[in-house]
């Protein structure tokens, strides 16, 4: 992981976590389905190299197993329960299962 990366989410971010696994996709407390996930967590960094706590971003994707399965979920605000029990609020960006959550941090979820 380590160094500062330049991604589509910002100029100065540091990759702080990558995780892959199988989790539950939830609408409120109802399990909609199990999905495979691949996530990268980036921390926003100030010019002096210090982290900016409120600038944490999650990028990744979900594999629904069936390409048509995600069509009705695009744009929905859902919760992804990871294998380790953490829960992350997400929004599905497109029918391919891409997710991107910006403004992550500050205790709005149970993963930080």
C-alpha atoms as a PDB file:
ATOM      1  CA  UNK A   1       0.000   0.000   0.000  1.00  0.00           C
ATOM      2  CA  UNK A   2       2.115   2.897   1.201  1.00  0.00           C
ATOM      3  CA  UNK A   3       2.625   5.931  -1.054  1.00  0.00           C
ATOM      4  CA  UNK A   4       0.373   8.692  -2.225  1.00  0.00           C
ATOM      5  CA  UNK A   5      -1.779   7.805  -5.242  1.00  0.00           C
ATOM      6  CA  UNK A   6      -3.447   9.903  -7.891  1.00  0.00           C
ATOM      7  CA  UNK A   7      -6.866   8.447  -8.709  1.00  0.00           C
ATOM      8  CA  UNK A   8     -10.156   9.592 -10.194  1.00  0.00           C
ATOM      9  CA  UNK A   9     -11.288  10.539  -6.675  1.00  0.00           C
ATOM     10  CA  UNK A  10      -8.692  13.159  -5.899  1.00  0.00           C
ATOM     11  CA  UNK A  11      -5.218  14.524  -6.331  1.00  0.00           C
ATOM     12  CA  UNK A  12      -3.576  13.415  -3.096  1.00  0.00           C
ATOM     13  CA  UNK A  13      -4.844  10.253  -1.506  1.00  0.00           C
ATOM     14  CA  UNK A  14      -3.205   7.328   0.219  1.00  0.00           C
ATOM     15  CA  UNK A  15      -4.434   3.772  -0.187  1.00  0.00           C
ATOM     16  CA  UNK A  16      -5.001   2.581   3.381  1.00  0.00           C
ATOM     17  CA  UNK A  17      -6.952  -0.647   2.926  1.00  0.00           C
ATOM     18  CA  UNK A  18      -7.917  -3.191   0.289  1.00  0.00           C
ATOM     19  CA  UNK A  19     -10.371  -5.974   0.926  1.00  0.00           C
ATOM     20  CA  UNK A  20     -12.015  -8.711  -1.092  1.00  0.00           C
ATOM     21  CA  UNK A  21     -14.669 -11.107   0.119  1.00  0.00           C
ATOM     22  CA  UNK A  22     -18.283 -12.168   0.186  1.00  0.00           C
ATOM     23  CA  UNK A  23     -20.780 -10.036   2.029  1.00  0.00           C
ATOM     24  CA  UNK A  24     -24.454  -9.281   2.465  1.00  0.00           C
ATOM     25  CA  UNK A  25     -26.142  -6.442   0.616  1.00  0.00           C
ATOM     26  CA  UNK A  26     -28.757  -4.919   2.907  1.00  0.00           C
ATOM     27  CA  UNK A  27     -31.656  -2.527   2.495  1.00  0.00           C
ATOM     28  CA  UNK A  28     -32.057  -1.226   6.025  1.00  0.00           C
ATOM     29  CA  UNK A  29     -31.868  -4.530   7.957  1.00  0.00           C
ATOM     30  CA  UNK A  30     -33.215  -6.812   5.190  1.00  0.00           C
ATOM     31  CA  UNK A  31     -30.674  -8.960   3.339  1.00  0.00           C
ATOM     32  CA  UNK A  32     -31.236  -8.545  -0.406  1.00  0.00           C
ATOM     33  CA  UNK A  33     -28.533 -10.956  -1.567  1.00  0.00           C
ATOM     34  CA  UNK A  34     -24.972 -12.102  -1.083  1.00  0.00           C
ATOM     35  CA  UNK A  35     -22.365 -10.454  -3.283  1.00  0.00           C
ATOM     36  CA  UNK A  36     -18.634 -10.678  -3.876  1.00  0.00           C
ATOM     37  CA  UNK A  37     -16.955  -7.351  -3.205  1.00  0.00           C
ATOM     38  CA  UNK A  38     -13.642  -5.712  -3.945  1.00  0.00           C
ATOM     39  CA  UNK A  39     -12.950  -2.465  -2.096  1.00  0.00           C
ATOM     40  CA  UNK A  40     -10.162   0.084  -1.837  1.00  0.00           C
ATOM     41  CA  UNK A  41     -10.160   2.701   0.917  1.00  0.00           C
ATOM     42  CA  UNK A  42      -8.301   5.930   0.232  1.00  0.00           C
ATOM     43  CA  UNK A  43      -7.388   8.596   2.788  1.00  0.00           C
ATOM     44  CA  UNK A  44      -7.218  12.227   1.658  1.00  0.00           C
ATOM     45  CA  UNK A  45      -3.869  13.810   2.401  1.00  0.00           C
ATOM     46  CA  UNK A  46      -2.935  17.446   2.970  1.00  0.00           C
ATOM     47  CA  UNK A  47      -0.011  18.990   1.130  1.00  0.00           C
ATOM     48  CA  UNK A  48       2.163  18.512   4.220  1.00  0.00           C
ATOM     49  CA  UNK A  49       1.521  14.750   4.185  1.00  0.00           C
ATOM     50  CA  UNK A  50      -0.915  14.703   7.102  1.00  0.00           C
ATOM     51  CA  UNK A  51      -4.200  12.799   6.716  1.00  0.00           C
ATOM     52  CA  UNK A  52      -7.451  14.740   6.441  1.00  0.00           C
ATOM     53  CA  UNK A  53      -9.849  12.674   8.616  1.00  0.00           C
ATOM     54  CA  UNK A  54     -13.061  13.773   6.874  1.00  0.00           C
ATOM     55  CA  UNK A  55     -11.703  12.852   3.429  1.00  0.00           C
ATOM     56  CA  UNK A  56     -11.885   9.100   3.258  1.00  0.00           C
ATOM     57  CA  UNK A  57     -13.211   7.537   0.066  1.00  0.00           C
ATOM     58  CA  UNK A  58     -14.225   3.998  -0.789  1.00  0.00           C
ATOM     59  CA  UNK A  59     -14.067   2.733  -4.357  1.00  0.00           C
ATOM     60  CA  UNK A  60     -14.838  -0.737  -5.512  1.00  0.00           C
ATOM     61  CA  UNK A  61     -17.189  -3.111  -7.169  1.00  0.00           C
ATOM     62  CA  UNK A  62     -19.754  -5.772  -6.412  1.00  0.00           C
ATOM     63  CA  UNK A  63     -20.210  -9.012  -8.320  1.00  0.00           C
ATOM     64  CA  UNK A  64     -23.841 -10.076  -8.287  1.00  0.00           C
ATOM     65  CA  UNK A  65     -23.186 -13.302 -10.183  1.00  0.00           C
ATOM     66  CA  UNK A  66     -25.894 -12.368 -12.699  1.00  0.00           C
ATOM     67  CA  UNK A  67     -25.315  -9.266 -14.880  1.00  0.00           C
ATOM     68  CA  UNK A  68     -29.025  -8.377 -14.794  1.00  0.00           C
ATOM     69  CA  UNK A  69     -29.287  -8.639 -10.987  1.00  0.00           C
ATOM     70  CA  UNK A  70     -27.965  -5.148 -10.273  1.00  0.00           C
ATOM     71  CA  UNK A  71     -30.106  -3.186 -12.761  1.00  0.00           C
ATOM     72  CA  UNK A  72     -32.876  -2.371 -10.268  1.00  0.00           C
ATOM     73  CA  UNK A  73     -30.344  -1.428  -7.563  1.00  0.00           C
ATOM     74  CA  UNK A  74     -28.470   1.318  -9.454  1.00  0.00           C
ATOM     75  CA  UNK A  75     -28.633   4.507  -7.400  1.00  0.00           C
ATOM     76  CA  UNK A  76     -30.054   2.781  -4.329  1.00  0.00           C
ATOM     77  CA  UNK A  77     -28.627   3.611  -0.906  1.00  0.00           C
ATOM     78  CA  UNK A  78     -27.690   0.265   0.594  1.00  0.00           C
ATOM     79  CA  UNK A  79     -25.472  -1.237   3.270  1.00  0.00           C
ATOM     80  CA  UNK A  80     -22.699  -3.705   2.520  1.00  0.00           C
ATOM     81  CA  UNK A  81     -21.899  -6.021   5.417  1.00  0.00           C
ATOM     82  CA  UNK A  82     -18.320  -7.228   5.031  1.00  0.00           C
ATOM     83  CA  UNK A  83     -17.057 -10.694   5.988  1.00  0.00           C
ATOM     84  CA  UNK A  84     -15.484  -9.259   9.135  1.00  0.00           C
ATOM     85  CA  UNK A  85     -18.807  -7.777  10.293  1.00  0.00           C
ATOM     86  CA  UNK A  86     -18.186  -4.125   9.412  1.00  0.00           C
ATOM     87  CA  UNK A  87     -21.020  -2.333   7.628  1.00  0.00           C
ATOM     88  CA  UNK A  88     -20.528   0.353   5.006  1.00  0.00           C
ATOM     89  CA  UNK A  89     -23.177   2.595   3.478  1.00  0.00           C
ATOM     90  CA  UNK A  90     -22.843   2.456  -0.311  1.00  0.00           C
ATOM     91  CA  UNK A  91     -24.543   3.563  -3.491  1.00  0.00           C
ATOM     92  CA  UNK A  92     -24.353   1.374  -6.584  1.00  0.00           C
ATOM     93  CA  UNK A  93     -23.109   3.606  -9.399  1.00  0.00           C
ATOM     94  CA  UNK A  94     -23.900   1.468 -12.436  1.00  0.00           C
ATOM     95  CA  UNK A  95     -25.268  -1.855 -13.660  1.00  0.00           C
ATOM     96  CA  UNK A  96     -21.749  -3.329 -13.660  1.00  0.00           C
ATOM     97  CA  UNK A  97     -21.717  -3.106  -9.843  1.00  0.00           C
ATOM     98  CA  UNK A  98     -19.309  -0.186  -9.453  1.00  0.00           C
ATOM     99  CA  UNK A  99     -19.545   1.598  -6.127  1.00  0.00           C
ATOM    100  CA  UNK A 100     -17.976   4.816  -4.984  1.00  0.00           C
ATOM    101  CA  UNK A 101     -18.564   6.428  -1.638  1.00  0.00           C
ATOM    102  CA  UNK A 102     -17.058   9.830  -0.943  1.00  0.00           C
ATOM    103  CA  UNK A 103     -17.155  11.836   2.224  1.00  0.00           C
ATOM    104  CA  UNK A 104     -16.610   8.666   4.223  1.00  0.00           C
ATOM    105  CA  UNK A 105     -15.537   9.063   7.821  1.00  0.00           C
ATOM    106  CA  UNK A 106     -16.618  10.894  10.898  1.00  0.00           C
ATOM    107  CA  UNK A 107     -18.469   7.954  12.407  1.00  0.00           C
ATOM    108  CA  UNK A 108     -21.278   7.799   9.852  1.00  0.00           C
ATOM    109  CA  UNK A 109     -20.745   4.059   9.554  1.00  0.00           C
ATOM    110  CA  UNK A 110     -19.535   1.242  11.718  1.00  0.00           C
ATOM    111  CA  UNK A 111     -16.237   0.774   9.913  1.00  0.00           C
ATOM    112  CA  UNK A 112     -14.449   3.899  11.145  1.00  0.00           C
END
